Amino acid sequence: MRKFLQGRKTYIVATLMAMVALVDLVTGSISLVDFVQSDHIRILLDSIGLATLRAGVGSLKGGGV
């Protein structure tokens, strides 16, 4: 299990953050306009930033600069 999670934990957290942010929009609890005006969009953007940061760190570790 530990070997499976190696290098994936941040991506799992980012995916869960995105799912939590999108659940109200997908279920129809809020409209797209309400979604964009709420904190949900910030959580979604944070999750994308977290995944992008992790990808950058991974590329450096894998033999980049």
PDB file of N, CA and C in Angstrom:
ATOM      1  N   MET A   1       0.822  -1.196   0.000  1.00  0.00           N
ATOM      2  CA  MET A   1       0.000   0.000   0.000  1.00  0.00           C
ATOM      3  C   MET A   1       0.866   1.260   0.000  1.00  0.00           C
ATOM      4  N   ARG A   2       1.920   1.237   0.813  1.00  0.00           N
ATOM      5  CA  ARG A   2       2.809   2.393   0.884  1.00  0.00           C
ATOM      6  C   ARG A   2       3.471   2.663  -0.455  1.00  0.00           C
ATOM      7  N   LYS A   3       3.870   1.610  -1.129  1.00  0.00           N
ATOM      8  CA  LYS A   3       4.522   1.766  -2.426  1.00  0.00           C
ATOM      9  C   LYS A   3       3.532   2.343  -3.444  1.00  0.00           C
ATOM     10  N   PHE A   4       2.283   1.923  -3.369  1.00  0.00           N
ATOM     11  CA  PHE A   4       1.255   2.448  -4.269  1.00  0.00           C
ATOM     12  C   PHE A   4       1.040   3.941  -4.052  1.00  0.00           C
ATOM     13  N   LEU A   5       1.022   4.371  -2.797  1.00  0.00           N
ATOM     14  CA  LEU A   5       0.755   5.772  -2.473  1.00  0.00           C
ATOM     15  C   LEU A   5       1.955   6.688  -2.721  1.00  0.00           C
ATOM     16  N   GLN A   6       3.130   6.112  -2.888  1.00  0.00           N
ATOM     17  CA  GLN A   6       4.332   6.914  -3.077  1.00  0.00           C
ATOM     18  C   GLN A   6       4.201   7.787  -4.327  1.00  0.00           C
ATOM     19  N   GLY A   7       4.261   9.103  -4.131  1.00  0.00           N
ATOM     20  CA  GLY A   7       4.156  10.048  -5.230  1.00  0.00           C
ATOM     21  C   GLY A   7       2.740  10.344  -5.673  1.00  0.00           C
ATOM     22  N   ARG A   8       1.739   9.763  -5.029  1.00  0.00           N
ATOM     23  CA  ARG A   8       0.346   9.959  -5.434  1.00  0.00           C
ATOM     24  C   ARG A   8      -0.506  10.659  -4.381  1.00  0.00           C
ATOM     25  N   LYS A   9      -0.015  10.788  -3.180  1.00  0.00           N
ATOM     26  CA  LYS A   9      -0.843  11.323  -2.094  1.00  0.00           C
ATOM     27  C   LYS A   9      -1.350  12.724  -2.389  1.00  0.00           C
ATOM     28  N   THR A  10      -0.507  13.582  -2.905  1.00  0.00           N
ATOM     29  CA  THR A  10      -0.918  14.954  -3.203  1.00  0.00           C
ATOM     30  C   THR A  10      -1.979  14.972  -4.292  1.00  0.00           C
ATOM     31  N   TYR A  11      -1.813  14.128  -5.303  1.00  0.00           N
ATOM     32  CA  TYR A  11      -2.808  14.054  -6.371  1.00  0.00           C
ATOM     33  C   TYR A  11      -4.155  13.551  -5.843  1.00  0.00           C
ATOM     34  N   ILE A  12      -4.123  12.628  -4.912  1.00  0.00           N
ATOM     35  CA  ILE A  12      -5.362  12.118  -4.313  1.00  0.00           C
ATOM     36  C   ILE A  12      -6.070  13.223  -3.541  1.00  0.00           C
ATOM     37  N   VAL A  13      -5.308  13.985  -2.749  1.00  0.00           N
ATOM     38  CA  VAL A  13      -5.889  15.103  -1.989  1.00  0.00           C
ATOM     39  C   VAL A  13      -6.459  16.147  -2.942  1.00  0.00           C
ATOM     40  N   ALA A  14      -5.727  16.481  -3.998  1.00  0.00           N
ATOM     41  CA  ALA A  14      -6.201  17.479  -4.965  1.00  0.00           C
ATOM     42  C   ALA A  14      -7.481  17.001  -5.650  1.00  0.00           C
ATOM     43  N   THR A  15      -7.544  15.728  -5.981  1.00  0.00           N
ATOM     44  CA  THR A  15      -8.758  15.177  -6.607  1.00  0.00           C
ATOM     45  C   THR A  15      -9.940  15.230  -5.655  1.00  0.00           C
ATOM     46  N   LEU A  16      -9.720  14.884  -4.401  1.00  0.00           N
ATOM     47  CA  LEU A  16     -10.803  14.949  -3.412  1.00  0.00           C
ATOM     48  C   LEU A  16     -11.273  16.382  -3.206  1.00  0.00           C
ATOM     49  N   MET A  17     -10.339  17.344  -3.188  1.00  0.00           N
ATOM     50  CA  MET A  17     -10.719  18.747  -3.063  1.00  0.00           C
ATOM     51  C   MET A  17     -11.586  19.183  -4.232  1.00  0.00           C
ATOM     52  N   ALA A  18     -11.202  18.782  -5.438  1.00  0.00           N
ATOM     53  CA  ALA A  18     -11.974  19.145  -6.625  1.00  0.00           C
ATOM     54  C   ALA A  18     -13.360  18.508  -6.575  1.00  0.00           C
ATOM     55  N   MET A  19     -13.440  17.259  -6.139  1.00  0.00           N
ATOM     56  CA  MET A  19     -14.741  16.586  -6.048  1.00  0.00           C
ATOM     57  C   MET A  19     -15.651  17.276  -5.040  1.00  0.00           C
ATOM     58  N   VAL A  20     -15.098  17.664  -3.900  1.00  0.00           N
ATOM     59  CA  VAL A  20     -15.890  18.372  -2.883  1.00  0.00           C
ATOM     60  C   VAL A  20     -16.385  19.703  -3.433  1.00  0.00           C
ATOM     61  N   ALA A  21     -15.526  20.396  -4.172  1.00  0.00           N
ATOM     62  CA  ALA A  21     -15.907  21.696  -4.739  1.00  0.00           C
ATOM     63  C   ALA A  21     -17.003  21.548  -5.780  1.00  0.00           C
ATOM     64  N   LEU A  22     -16.982  20.465  -6.554  1.00  0.00           N
ATOM     65  CA  LEU A  22     -17.911  20.296  -7.670  1.00  0.00           C
ATOM     66  C   LEU A  22     -19.212  19.584  -7.315  1.00  0.00           C
ATOM     67  N   VAL A  23     -19.299  18.978  -6.147  1.00  0.00           N
ATOM     68  CA  VAL A  23     -20.466  18.147  -5.827  1.00  0.00           C
ATOM     69  C   VAL A  23     -21.774  18.941  -5.873  1.00  0.00           C
ATOM     70  N   ASP A  24     -21.804  20.141  -5.349  1.00  0.00           N
ATOM     71  CA  ASP A  24     -23.041  20.932  -5.376  1.00  0.00           C
ATOM     72  C   ASP A  24     -23.427  21.326  -6.794  1.00  0.00           C
ATOM     73  N   LEU A  25     -22.435  21.621  -7.610  1.00  0.00           N
ATOM     74  CA  LEU A  25     -22.715  21.993  -8.994  1.00  0.00           C
ATOM     75  C   LEU A  25     -23.240  20.794  -9.780  1.00  0.00           C
ATOM     76  N   VAL A  26     -22.615  19.660  -9.604  1.00  0.00           N
ATOM     77  CA  VAL A  26     -23.000  18.457 -10.339  1.00  0.00           C
ATOM     78  C   VAL A  26     -24.377  17.952  -9.918  1.00  0.00           C
ATOM     79  N   THR A  27     -24.688  18.042  -8.641  1.00  0.00           N
ATOM     80  CA  THR A  27     -25.982  17.562  -8.159  1.00  0.00           C
ATOM     81  C   THR A  27     -27.110  18.549  -8.424  1.00  0.00           C
ATOM     82  N   GLY A  28     -26.762  19.747  -8.861  1.00  0.00           N
ATOM     83  CA  GLY A  28     -27.791  20.737  -9.158  1.00  0.00           C
ATOM     84  C   GLY A  28     -28.234  21.547  -7.967  1.00  0.00           C
ATOM     85  N   SER A  29     -27.520  21.444  -6.865  1.00  0.00           N
ATOM     86  CA  SER A  29     -27.875  22.216  -5.674  1.00  0.00           C
ATOM     87  C   SER A  29     -27.656  23.708  -5.877  1.00  0.00           C
ATOM     88  N   ILE A  30     -26.675  24.055  -6.719  1.00  0.00           N
ATOM     89  CA  ILE A  30     -26.421  25.464  -7.019  1.00  0.00           C
ATOM     90  C   ILE A  30     -26.241  25.622  -8.527  1.00  0.00           C
ATOM     91  N   SER A  31     -26.491  26.812  -9.001  1.00  0.00           N
ATOM     92  CA  SER A  31     -26.316  27.083 -10.429  1.00  0.00           C
ATOM     93  C   SER A  31     -24.854  27.417 -10.713  1.00  0.00           C
ATOM     94  N   LEU A  32     -24.510  27.477 -11.976  1.00  0.00           N
ATOM     95  CA  LEU A  32     -23.140  27.797 -12.361  1.00  0.00           C
ATOM     96  C   LEU A  32     -22.751  29.188 -11.886  1.00  0.00           C
ATOM     97  N   VAL A  33     -23.665  30.132 -11.990  1.00  0.00           N
ATOM     98  CA  VAL A  33     -23.384  31.506 -11.533  1.00  0.00           C
ATOM     99  C   VAL A  33     -23.122  31.514 -10.031  1.00  0.00           C
ATOM    100  N   ASP A  34     -23.950  30.813  -9.267  1.00  0.00           N
ATOM    101  CA  ASP A  34     -23.738  30.734  -7.816  1.00  0.00           C
ATOM    102  C   ASP A  34     -22.421  30.037  -7.494  1.00  0.00           C
ATOM    103  N   PHE A  35     -22.092  29.030  -8.275  1.00  0.00           N
ATOM    104  CA  PHE A  35     -20.840  28.295  -8.078  1.00  0.00           C
ATOM    105  C   PHE A  35     -19.640  29.214  -8.256  1.00  0.00           C
ATOM    106  N   VAL A  36     -19.654  30.006  -9.309  1.00  0.00           N
ATOM    107  CA  VAL A  36     -18.538  30.908  -9.603  1.00  0.00           C
ATOM    108  C   VAL A  36     -18.417  31.989  -8.533  1.00  0.00           C
ATOM    109  N   GLN A  37     -19.527  32.391  -7.947  1.00  0.00           N
ATOM    110  CA  GLN A  37     -19.514  33.441  -6.929  1.00  0.00           C
ATOM    111  C   GLN A  37     -19.257  32.911  -5.522  1.00  0.00           C
ATOM    112  N   SER A  38     -19.167  31.601  -5.365  1.00  0.00           N
ATOM    113  CA  SER A  38     -19.010  31.020  -4.028  1.00  0.00           C
ATOM    114  C   SER A  38     -17.553  30.635  -3.757  1.00  0.00           C
ATOM    115  N   ASP A  39     -17.314  30.149  -2.565  1.00  0.00           N
ATOM    116  CA  ASP A  39     -15.978  29.665  -2.192  1.00  0.00           C
ATOM    117  C   ASP A  39     -15.624  28.364  -2.893  1.00  0.00           C
ATOM    118  N   HIS A  40     -16.605  27.712  -3.500  1.00  0.00           N
ATOM    119  CA  HIS A  40     -16.355  26.452  -4.201  1.00  0.00           C
ATOM    120  C   HIS A  40     -15.329  26.636  -5.320  1.00  0.00           C
ATOM    121  N   ILE A  41     -15.410  27.744  -6.012  1.00  0.00           N
ATOM    122  CA  ILE A  41     -14.484  27.980  -7.124  1.00  0.00           C
ATOM    123  C   ILE A  41     -13.059  28.148  -6.601  1.00  0.00           C
ATOM    124  N   ARG A  42     -12.905  28.767  -5.443  1.00  0.00           N
ATOM    125  CA  ARG A  42     -11.573  28.921  -4.853  1.00  0.00           C
ATOM    126  C   ARG A  42     -10.985  27.569  -4.478  1.00  0.00           C
ATOM    127  N   ILE A  43     -11.811  26.697  -3.915  1.00  0.00           N
ATOM    128  CA  ILE A  43     -11.350  25.357  -3.570  1.00  0.00           C
ATOM    129  C   ILE A  43     -10.944  24.597  -4.831  1.00  0.00           C
ATOM    130  N   LEU A  44     -11.722  24.736  -5.887  1.00  0.00           N
ATOM    131  CA  LEU A  44     -11.395  24.075  -7.146  1.00  0.00           C
ATOM    132  C   LEU A  44     -10.068  24.586  -7.704  1.00  0.00           C
ATOM    133  N   LEU A  45      -9.882  25.888  -7.701  1.00  0.00           N
ATOM    134  CA  LEU A  45      -8.631  26.462  -8.194  1.00  0.00           C
ATOM    135  C   LEU A  45      -7.447  26.087  -7.299  1.00  0.00           C
ATOM    136  N   ASP A  46      -7.678  26.010  -6.000  1.00  0.00           N
ATOM    137  CA  ASP A  46      -6.621  25.562  -5.084  1.00  0.00           C
ATOM    138  C   ASP A  46      -6.200  24.130  -5.395  1.00  0.00           C
ATOM    139  N   SER A  47      -7.162  23.282  -5.679  1.00  0.00           N
ATOM    140  CA  SER A  47      -6.837  21.885  -5.982  1.00  0.00           C
ATOM    141  C   SER A  47      -6.053  21.768  -7.284  1.00  0.00           C
ATOM    142  N   ILE A  48      -6.403  22.571  -8.265  1.00  0.00           N
ATOM    143  CA  ILE A  48      -5.656  22.574  -9.530  1.00  0.00           C
ATOM    144  C   ILE A  48      -4.233  23.079  -9.295  1.00  0.00           C
ATOM    145  N   GLY A  49      -4.095  24.119  -8.492  1.00  0.00           N
ATOM    146  CA  GLY A  49      -2.770  24.639  -8.172  1.00  0.00           C
ATOM    147  C   GLY A  49      -1.924  23.639  -7.410  1.00  0.00           C
ATOM    148  N   LEU A  50      -2.534  22.922  -6.485  1.00  0.00           N
ATOM    149  CA  LEU A  50      -1.820  21.909  -5.715  1.00  0.00           C
ATOM    150  C   LEU A  50      -1.312  20.793  -6.626  1.00  0.00           C
ATOM    151  N   ALA A  51      -2.144  20.330  -7.525  1.00  0.00           N
ATOM    152  CA  ALA A  51      -1.728  19.279  -8.453  1.00  0.00           C
ATOM    153  C   ALA A  51      -0.634  19.771  -9.394  1.00  0.00           C
ATOM    154  N   THR A  52      -0.735  21.014  -9.843  1.00  0.00           N
ATOM    155  CA  THR A  52       0.283  21.577 -10.726  1.00  0.00           C
ATOM    156  C   THR A  52       1.617  21.728  -9.997  1.00  0.00           C
ATOM    157  N   LEU A  53       1.569  22.187  -8.760  1.00  0.00           N
ATOM    158  CA  LEU A  53       2.776  22.309  -7.960  1.00  0.00           C
ATOM    159  C   LEU A  53       3.437  20.955  -7.759  1.00  0.00           C
ATOM    160  N   ARG A  54       2.642  19.954  -7.457  1.00  0.00           N
ATOM    161  CA  ARG A  54       3.185  18.602  -7.255  1.00  0.00           C
ATOM    162  C   ARG A  54       3.802  18.065  -8.537  1.00  0.00           C
ATOM    163  N   ALA A  55       3.187  18.337  -9.656  1.00  0.00           N
ATOM    164  CA  ALA A  55       3.740  17.892 -10.934  1.00  0.00           C
ATOM    165  C   ALA A  55       5.079  18.571 -11.196  1.00  0.00           C
ATOM    166  N   GLY A  56       5.191  19.844 -10.850  1.00  0.00           N
ATOM    167  CA  GLY A  56       6.454  20.560 -11.021  1.00  0.00           C
ATOM    168  C   GLY A  56       7.552  20.008 -10.127  1.00  0.00           C
ATOM    169  N   VAL A  57       7.223  19.717  -8.898  1.00  0.00           N
ATOM    170  CA  VAL A  57       8.188  19.136  -7.966  1.00  0.00           C
ATOM    171  C   VAL A  57       8.614  17.756  -8.472  1.00  0.00           C
ATOM    172  N   GLY A  58       7.662  16.992  -8.965  1.00  0.00           N
ATOM    173  CA  GLY A  58       7.968  15.667  -9.483  1.00  0.00           C
ATOM    174  C   GLY A  58       8.883  15.717 -10.699  1.00  0.00           C
ATOM    175  N   SER A  59       8.707  16.708 -11.544  1.00  0.00           N
ATOM    176  CA  SER A  59       9.562  16.805 -12.727  1.00  0.00           C
ATOM    177  C   SER A  59      10.985  17.218 -12.334  1.00  0.00           C
ATOM    178  N   LEU A  60      11.131  18.028 -11.301  1.00  0.00           N
ATOM    179  CA  LEU A  60      12.468  18.391 -10.822  1.00  0.00           C
ATOM    180  C   LEU A  60      13.163  17.199 -10.191  1.00  0.00           C
ATOM    181  N   LYS A  61      12.407  16.434  -9.447  1.00  0.00           N
ATOM    182  CA  LYS A  61      12.955  15.261  -8.764  1.00  0.00           C
ATOM    183  C   LYS A  61      13.331  14.185  -9.784  1.00  0.00           C
ATOM    184  N   GLY A  62      12.594  14.122 -10.878  1.00  0.00           N
ATOM    185  CA  GLY A  62      12.813  13.085 -11.874  1.00  0.00           C
ATOM    186  C   GLY A  62      13.957  13.367 -12.843  1.00  0.00           C
ATOM    187  N   GLY A  63      14.709  14.431 -12.643  1.00  0.00           N
ATOM    188  CA  GLY A  63      15.867  14.674 -13.491  1.00  0.00           C
ATOM    189  C   GLY A  63      15.792  15.961 -14.278  1.00  0.00           C
ATOM    190  N   GLY A  64      14.929  16.881 -13.845  1.00  0.00           N
ATOM    191  CA  GLY A  64      14.827  18.169 -14.504  1.00  0.00           C
ATOM    192  C   GLY A  64      16.065  19.009 -14.259  1.00  0.00           C
ATOM    193  N   VAL A  65      15.893  20.233 -13.880  1.00  0.00           N
ATOM    194  CA  VAL A  65      16.966  21.204 -13.674  1.00  0.00           C
ATOM    195  C   VAL A  65      18.005  20.691 -12.796  1.00  0.00           C
TER     196      VAL A  65
END
